[in-house]
Amino acid sequence: MAIPYGFEKMPDGMVRMIASQIEVVQRIYQRYIDGASLGTITNELEADQVTSPSGSSKWSRSVIDKMLSNGKYG
């Protein structure tokens, strides 16, 4: 099972939140709810130098779309 962005698996097998990444997830959801397009959200994250789930400085619309459709964030 893949651990979603914003969480990490601990040595004991438990999963815990990574606060800084959860803030990014919340920001993405809020911007989307506010009506921002995937492209706008991508541009904003890159402008603010937020690191993507892969550790890159670049975000893609598909990554944001997958995050928004991931039921684990619900």
PDB file of N, CA and C in Angstrom:
ATOM      1  N   MET A   1       0.848  -1.178   0.000  1.00  0.00           N
ATOM      2  CA  MET A   1       0.000   0.000   0.000  1.00  0.00           C
ATOM      3  C   MET A   1       0.894   1.243   0.000  1.00  0.00           C
ATOM      4  N   ALA A   2       0.650   2.128  -0.943  1.00  0.00           N
ATOM      5  CA  ALA A   2       1.417   3.368  -1.026  1.00  0.00           C
ATOM      6  C   ALA A   2       0.929   4.348   0.038  1.00  0.00           C
ATOM      7  N   ILE A   3       1.866   4.984   0.666  1.00  0.00           N
ATOM      8  CA  ILE A   3       1.539   5.994   1.673  1.00  0.00           C
ATOM      9  C   ILE A   3       1.337   7.324   0.945  1.00  0.00           C
ATOM     10  N   PRO A   4       0.175   7.972   1.106  1.00  0.00           N
ATOM     11  CA  PRO A   4      -0.064   9.227   0.384  1.00  0.00           C
ATOM     12  C   PRO A   4       0.796  10.375   0.912  1.00  0.00           C
ATOM     13  N   TYR A   5       1.004  11.355   0.044  1.00  0.00           N
ATOM     14  CA  TYR A   5       1.727  12.569   0.389  1.00  0.00           C
ATOM     15  C   TYR A   5       1.121  13.158   1.662  1.00  0.00           C
ATOM     16  N   GLY A   6       1.965  13.528   2.590  1.00  0.00           N
ATOM     17  CA  GLY A   6       1.493  14.089   3.853  1.00  0.00           C
ATOM     18  C   GLY A   6       1.561  13.108   5.006  1.00  0.00           C
ATOM     19  N   PHE A   7       1.916  11.867   4.696  1.00  0.00           N
ATOM     20  CA  PHE A   7       2.011  10.828   5.712  1.00  0.00           C
ATOM     21  C   PHE A   7       3.313  10.066   5.552  1.00  0.00           C
ATOM     22  N   GLU A   8       3.751   9.420   6.624  1.00  0.00           N
ATOM     23  CA  GLU A   8       4.927   8.555   6.543  1.00  0.00           C
ATOM     24  C   GLU A   8       4.710   7.345   7.431  1.00  0.00           C
ATOM     25  N   LYS A   9       5.314   6.247   7.015  1.00  0.00           N
ATOM     26  CA  LYS A   9       5.216   5.012   7.781  1.00  0.00           C
ATOM     27  C   LYS A   9       6.373   4.971   8.770  1.00  0.00           C
ATOM     28  N   MET A  10       6.056   4.723  10.014  1.00  0.00           N
ATOM     29  CA  MET A  10       7.038   4.653  11.077  1.00  0.00           C
ATOM     30  C   MET A  10       7.631   3.244  11.143  1.00  0.00           C
ATOM     31  N   PRO A  11       8.781   3.085  11.793  1.00  0.00           N
ATOM     32  CA  PRO A  11       9.396   1.754  11.899  1.00  0.00           C
ATOM     33  C   PRO A  11       8.486   0.700  12.533  1.00  0.00           C
ATOM     34  N   ASP A  12       7.582   1.127  13.407  1.00  0.00           N
ATOM     35  CA  ASP A  12       6.672   0.181  14.061  1.00  0.00           C
ATOM     36  C   ASP A  12       5.451  -0.158  13.197  1.00  0.00           C
ATOM     37  N   GLY A  13       5.414   0.405  11.983  1.00  0.00           N
ATOM     38  CA  GLY A  13       4.317   0.133  11.065  1.00  0.00           C
ATOM     39  C   GLY A  13       3.174   1.123  11.131  1.00  0.00           C
ATOM     40  N   MET A  14       3.174   1.964  12.137  1.00  0.00           N
ATOM     41  CA  MET A  14       2.133   2.985  12.271  1.00  0.00           C
ATOM     42  C   MET A  14       2.379   4.088  11.239  1.00  0.00           C
ATOM     43  N   VAL A  15       1.326   4.803  10.906  1.00  0.00           N
ATOM     44  CA  VAL A  15       1.419   5.905   9.957  1.00  0.00           C
ATOM     45  C   VAL A  15       1.168   7.203  10.712  1.00  0.00           C
ATOM     46  N   ARG A  16       1.996   8.208  10.408  1.00  0.00           N
ATOM     47  CA  ARG A  16       1.772   9.502  11.058  1.00  0.00           C
ATOM     48  C   ARG A  16       1.773  10.607  10.011  1.00  0.00           C
ATOM     49  N   MET A  17       1.126  11.716  10.362  1.00  0.00           N
ATOM     50  CA  MET A  17       1.059  12.865   9.469  1.00  0.00           C
ATOM     51  C   MET A  17       2.361  13.655   9.517  1.00  0.00           C
ATOM     52  N   ILE A  18       2.680  14.261   8.393  1.00  0.00           N
ATOM     53  CA  ILE A  18       3.785  15.214   8.299  1.00  0.00           C
ATOM     54  C   ILE A  18       3.119  16.584   8.166  1.00  0.00           C
ATOM     55  N   ALA A  19       3.147  17.369   9.223  1.00  0.00           N
ATOM     56  CA  ALA A  19       2.372  18.604   9.306  1.00  0.00           C
ATOM     57  C   ALA A  19       2.602  19.541   8.124  1.00  0.00           C
ATOM     58  N   SER A  20       3.844  19.746   7.722  1.00  0.00           N
ATOM     59  CA  SER A  20       4.125  20.689   6.634  1.00  0.00           C
ATOM     60  C   SER A  20       3.508  20.223   5.315  1.00  0.00           C
ATOM     61  N   GLN A  21       3.477  18.918   5.094  1.00  0.00           N
ATOM     62  CA  GLN A  21       2.888  18.397   3.857  1.00  0.00           C
ATOM     63  C   GLN A  21       1.367  18.397   3.923  1.00  0.00           C
ATOM     64  N   ILE A  22       0.817  18.147   5.098  1.00  0.00           N
ATOM     65  CA  ILE A  22      -0.641  18.204   5.258  1.00  0.00           C
ATOM     66  C   ILE A  22      -1.131  19.619   4.986  1.00  0.00           C
ATOM     67  N   GLU A  23      -0.355  20.617   5.379  1.00  0.00           N
ATOM     68  CA  GLU A  23      -0.718  22.008   5.073  1.00  0.00           C
ATOM     69  C   GLU A  23      -0.783  22.229   3.564  1.00  0.00           C
ATOM     70  N   VAL A  24       0.120  21.607   2.824  1.00  0.00           N
ATOM     71  CA  VAL A  24       0.115  21.724   1.361  1.00  0.00           C
ATOM     72  C   VAL A  24      -1.143  21.065   0.802  1.00  0.00           C
ATOM     73  N   VAL A  25      -1.485  19.888   1.300  1.00  0.00           N
ATOM     74  CA  VAL A  25      -2.691  19.189   0.850  1.00  0.00           C
ATOM     75  C   VAL A  25      -3.923  20.050   1.131  1.00  0.00           C
ATOM     76  N   GLN A  26      -3.998  20.619   2.320  1.00  0.00           N
ATOM     77  CA  GLN A  26      -5.135  21.475   2.675  1.00  0.00           C
ATOM     78  C   GLN A  26      -5.194  22.701   1.772  1.00  0.00           C
ATOM     79  N   ARG A  27      -4.047  23.257   1.471  1.00  0.00           N
ATOM     80  CA  ARG A  27      -3.974  24.421   0.580  1.00  0.00           C
ATOM     81  C   ARG A  27      -4.496  24.055  -0.810  1.00  0.00           C
ATOM     82  N   ILE A  28      -4.079  22.910  -1.326  1.00  0.00           N
ATOM     83  CA  ILE A  28      -4.525  22.470  -2.644  1.00  0.00           C
ATOM     84  C   ILE A  28      -6.044  22.314  -2.666  1.00  0.00           C
ATOM     85  N   TYR A  29      -6.595  21.632  -1.661  1.00  0.00           N
ATOM     86  CA  TYR A  29      -8.047  21.455  -1.593  1.00  0.00           C
ATOM     87  C   TYR A  29      -8.766  22.799  -1.485  1.00  0.00           C
ATOM     88  N   GLN A  30      -8.269  23.697  -0.651  1.00  0.00           N
ATOM     89  CA  GLN A  30      -8.932  24.991  -0.468  1.00  0.00           C
ATOM     90  C   GLN A  30      -8.893  25.819  -1.739  1.00  0.00           C
ATOM     91  N   ARG A  31      -7.758  25.833  -2.420  1.00  0.00           N
ATOM     92  CA  ARG A  31      -7.655  26.591  -3.678  1.00  0.00           C
ATOM     93  C   ARG A  31      -8.612  26.018  -4.718  1.00  0.00           C
ATOM     94  N   TYR A  32      -8.725  24.679  -4.755  1.00  0.00           N
ATOM     95  CA  TYR A  32      -9.630  24.042  -5.708  1.00  0.00           C
ATOM     96  C   TYR A  32     -11.082  24.388  -5.377  1.00  0.00           C
ATOM     97  N   ILE A  33     -11.425  24.330  -4.093  1.00  0.00           N
ATOM     98  CA  ILE A  33     -12.779  24.705  -3.658  1.00  0.00           C
ATOM     99  C   ILE A  33     -13.067  26.160  -4.003  1.00  0.00           C
ATOM    100  N   ASP A  34     -12.045  27.004  -3.905  1.00  0.00           N
ATOM    101  CA  ASP A  34     -12.198  28.423  -4.227  1.00  0.00           C
ATOM    102  C   ASP A  34     -12.342  28.681  -5.725  1.00  0.00           C
ATOM    103  N   GLY A  35     -12.156  27.628  -6.537  1.00  0.00           N
ATOM    104  CA  GLY A  35     -12.343  27.773  -7.977  1.00  0.00           C
ATOM    105  C   GLY A  35     -11.061  27.863  -8.789  1.00  0.00           C
ATOM    106  N   ALA A  36      -9.912  27.711  -8.148  1.00  0.00           N
ATOM    107  CA  ALA A  36      -8.645  27.767  -8.883  1.00  0.00           C
ATOM    108  C   ALA A  36      -8.501  26.522  -9.754  1.00  0.00           C
ATOM    109  N   SER A  37      -7.980  26.718 -10.948  1.00  0.00           N
ATOM    110  CA  SER A  37      -7.750  25.588 -11.846  1.00  0.00           C
ATOM    111  C   SER A  37      -6.521  24.801 -11.395  1.00  0.00           C
ATOM    112  N   LEU A  38      -6.372  23.592 -11.936  1.00  0.00           N
ATOM    113  CA  LEU A  38      -5.194  22.784 -11.615  1.00  0.00           C
ATOM    114  C   LEU A  38      -3.921  23.517 -12.040  1.00  0.00           C
ATOM    115  N   GLY A  39      -3.969  24.173 -13.185  1.00  0.00           N
ATOM    116  CA  GLY A  39      -2.809  24.935 -13.656  1.00  0.00           C
ATOM    117  C   GLY A  39      -2.456  26.085 -12.731  1.00  0.00           C
ATOM    118  N   THR A  40      -3.459  26.778 -12.234  1.00  0.00           N
ATOM    119  CA  THR A  40      -3.222  27.884 -11.303  1.00  0.00           C
ATOM    120  C   THR A  40      -2.605  27.372 -10.012  1.00  0.00           C
ATOM    121  N   ILE A  41      -3.146  26.286  -9.499  1.00  0.00           N
ATOM    122  CA  ILE A  41      -2.610  25.702  -8.264  1.00  0.00           C
ATOM    123  C   ILE A  41      -1.164  25.278  -8.478  1.00  0.00           C
ATOM    124  N   THR A  42      -0.890  24.642  -9.602  1.00  0.00           N
ATOM    125  CA  THR A  42       0.473  24.230  -9.943  1.00  0.00           C
ATOM    126  C   THR A  42       1.413  25.431  -9.942  1.00  0.00           C
ATOM    127  N   ASN A  43       1.006  26.482 -10.623  1.00  0.00           N
ATOM    128  CA  ASN A  43       1.839  27.689 -10.712  1.00  0.00           C
ATOM    129  C   ASN A  43       2.075  28.318  -9.345  1.00  0.00           C
ATOM    130  N   GLU A  44       1.054  28.349  -8.510  1.00  0.00           N
ATOM    131  CA  GLU A  44       1.192  28.936  -7.175  1.00  0.00           C
ATOM    132  C   GLU A  44       2.170  28.138  -6.310  1.00  0.00           C
ATOM    133  N   LEU A  45       2.058  26.823  -6.351  1.00  0.00           N
ATOM    134  CA  LEU A  45       2.961  25.985  -5.558  1.00  0.00           C
ATOM    135  C   LEU A  45       4.404  26.162  -6.011  1.00  0.00           C
ATOM    136  N   GLU A  46       4.609  26.208  -7.316  1.00  0.00           N
ATOM    137  CA  GLU A  46       5.960  26.399  -7.845  1.00  0.00           C
ATOM    138  C   GLU A  46       6.490  27.783  -7.496  1.00  0.00           C
ATOM    139  N   ALA A  47       5.652  28.806  -7.587  1.00  0.00           N
ATOM    140  CA  ALA A  47       6.067  30.175  -7.258  1.00  0.00           C
ATOM    141  C   ALA A  47       6.474  30.287  -5.792  1.00  0.00           C
ATOM    142  N   ASP A  48       5.804  29.516  -4.938  1.00  0.00           N
ATOM    143  CA  ASP A  48       6.112  29.531  -3.507  1.00  0.00           C
ATOM    144  C   ASP A  48       7.184  28.508  -3.140  1.00  0.00           C
ATOM    145  N   GLN A  49       7.753  27.850  -4.149  1.00  0.00           N
ATOM    146  CA  GLN A  49       8.838  26.885  -3.979  1.00  0.00           C
ATOM    147  C   GLN A  49       8.462  25.739  -3.037  1.00  0.00           C
ATOM    148  N   VAL A  50       7.245  25.251  -3.207  1.00  0.00           N
ATOM    149  CA  VAL A  50       6.765  24.098  -2.445  1.00  0.00           C
ATOM    150  C   VAL A  50       7.243  22.843  -3.174  1.00  0.00           C
ATOM    151  N   THR A  51       7.873  21.945  -2.457  1.00  0.00           N
ATOM    152  CA  THR A  51       8.392  20.715  -3.039  1.00  0.00           C
ATOM    153  C   THR A  51       7.253  19.728  -3.316  1.00  0.00           C
ATOM    154  N   SER A  52       7.278  19.124  -4.491  1.00  0.00           N
ATOM    155  CA  SER A  52       6.243  18.172  -4.889  1.00  0.00           C
ATOM    156  C   SER A  52       6.434  16.836  -4.161  1.00  0.00           C
ATOM    157  N   PRO A  53       5.452  15.942  -4.266  1.00  0.00           N
ATOM    158  CA  PRO A  53       5.593  14.628  -3.626  1.00  0.00           C
ATOM    159  C   PRO A  53       6.837  13.861  -4.061  1.00  0.00           C
ATOM    160  N   SER A  54       7.313  14.109  -5.280  1.00  0.00           N
ATOM    161  CA  SER A  54       8.513  13.413  -5.760  1.00  0.00           C
ATOM    162  C   SER A  54       9.796  14.107  -5.322  1.00  0.00           C
ATOM    163  N   GLY A  55       9.660  15.249  -4.643  1.00  0.00           N
ATOM    164  CA  GLY A  55      10.825  15.995  -4.188  1.00  0.00           C
ATOM    165  C   GLY A  55      11.301  17.034  -5.185  1.00  0.00           C
ATOM    166  N   SER A  56      10.552  17.205  -6.249  1.00  0.00           N
ATOM    167  CA  SER A  56      10.908  18.145  -7.305  1.00  0.00           C
ATOM    168  C   SER A  56      10.372  19.540  -6.996  1.00  0.00           C
ATOM    169  N   SER A  57      10.956  20.536  -7.639  1.00  0.00           N
ATOM    170  CA  SER A  57      10.439  21.900  -7.514  1.00  0.00           C
ATOM    171  C   SER A  57       9.283  22.120  -8.487  1.00  0.00           C
ATOM    172  N   LYS A  58       9.064  21.182  -9.392  1.00  0.00           N
ATOM    173  CA  LYS A  58       7.993  21.271 -10.389  1.00  0.00           C
ATOM    174  C   LYS A  58       6.805  20.405  -9.976  1.00  0.00           C
ATOM    175  N   TRP A  59       5.628  20.942 -10.153  1.00  0.00           N
ATOM    176  CA  TRP A  59       4.385  20.220  -9.912  1.00  0.00           C
ATOM    177  C   TRP A  59       3.722  19.977 -11.258  1.00  0.00           C
ATOM    178  N   SER A  60       2.895  18.949 -11.337  1.00  0.00           N
ATOM    179  CA  SER A  60       2.128  18.718 -12.557  1.00  0.00           C
ATOM    180  C   SER A  60       0.643  18.726 -12.216  1.00  0.00           C
ATOM    181  N   ARG A  61      -0.134  19.049 -13.229  1.00  0.00           N
ATOM    182  CA  ARG A  61      -1.582  19.039 -13.030  1.00  0.00           C
ATOM    183  C   ARG A  61      -2.057  17.644 -12.644  1.00  0.00           C
ATOM    184  N   SER A  62      -1.432  16.617 -13.219  1.00  0.00           N
ATOM    185  CA  SER A  62      -1.875  15.247 -12.930  1.00  0.00           C
ATOM    186  C   SER A  62      -1.634  14.857 -11.473  1.00  0.00           C
ATOM    187  N   VAL A  63      -0.541  15.335 -10.893  1.00  0.00           N
ATOM    188  CA  VAL A  63      -0.270  15.048  -9.474  1.00  0.00           C
ATOM    189  C   VAL A  63      -1.347  15.689  -8.603  1.00  0.00           C
ATOM    190  N   ILE A  64      -1.680  16.928  -8.913  1.00  0.00           N
ATOM    191  CA  ILE A  64      -2.710  17.622  -8.130  1.00  0.00           C
ATOM    192  C   ILE A  64      -4.061  16.957  -8.330  1.00  0.00           C
ATOM    193  N   ASP A  65      -4.365  16.567  -9.554  1.00  0.00           N
ATOM    194  CA  ASP A  65      -5.629  15.882  -9.833  1.00  0.00           C
ATOM    195  C   ASP A  65      -5.722  14.574  -9.045  1.00  0.00           C
ATOM    196  N   LYS A  66      -4.628  13.813  -9.001  1.00  0.00           N
ATOM    197  CA  LYS A  66      -4.617  12.559  -8.244  1.00  0.00           C
ATOM    198  C   LYS A  66      -4.800  12.815  -6.753  1.00  0.00           C
ATOM    199  N   MET A  67      -4.205  13.886  -6.247  1.00  0.00           N
ATOM    200  CA  MET A  67      -4.373  14.211  -4.820  1.00  0.00           C
ATOM    201  C   MET A  67      -5.831  14.561  -4.530  1.00  0.00           C
ATOM    202  N   LEU A  68      -6.432  15.339  -5.416  1.00  0.00           N
ATOM    203  CA  LEU A  68      -7.818  15.745  -5.208  1.00  0.00           C
ATOM    204  C   LEU A  68      -8.798  14.580  -5.304  1.00  0.00           C
ATOM    205  N   SER A  69      -8.443  13.549  -6.052  1.00  0.00           N
ATOM    206  CA  SER A  69      -9.335  12.404  -6.202  1.00  0.00           C
ATOM    207  C   SER A  69      -8.984  11.227  -5.281  1.00  0.00           C
ATOM    208  N   ASN A  70      -7.991  11.431  -4.422  1.00  0.00           N
ATOM    209  CA  ASN A  70      -7.569  10.370  -3.510  1.00  0.00           C
ATOM    210  C   ASN A  70      -8.493  10.341  -2.292  1.00  0.00           C
ATOM    211  N   GLY A  71      -9.269   9.285  -2.171  1.00  0.00           N
ATOM    212  CA  GLY A  71     -10.216   9.143  -1.066  1.00  0.00           C
ATOM    213  C   GLY A  71      -9.585   9.087   0.303  1.00  0.00           C
ATOM    214  N   LYS A  72      -8.284   8.829   0.374  1.00  0.00           N
ATOM    215  CA  LYS A  72      -7.613   8.764   1.665  1.00  0.00           C
ATOM    216  C   LYS A  72      -7.516  10.122   2.342  1.00  0.00           C
ATOM    217  N   TYR A  73      -7.674  11.192   1.568  1.00  0.00           N
ATOM    218  CA  TYR A  73      -7.640  12.527   2.157  1.00  0.00           C
ATOM    219  C   TYR A  73      -9.003  12.944   2.680  1.00  0.00           C
ATOM    220  N   GLY A  74     -10.032  12.200   2.363  1.00  0.00           N
ATOM    221  CA  GLY A  74     -11.384  12.553   2.753  1.00  0.00           C
ATOM    222  C   GLY A  74     -11.625  12.365   4.179  1.00  0.00           C
TER     223      GLY A  74
END
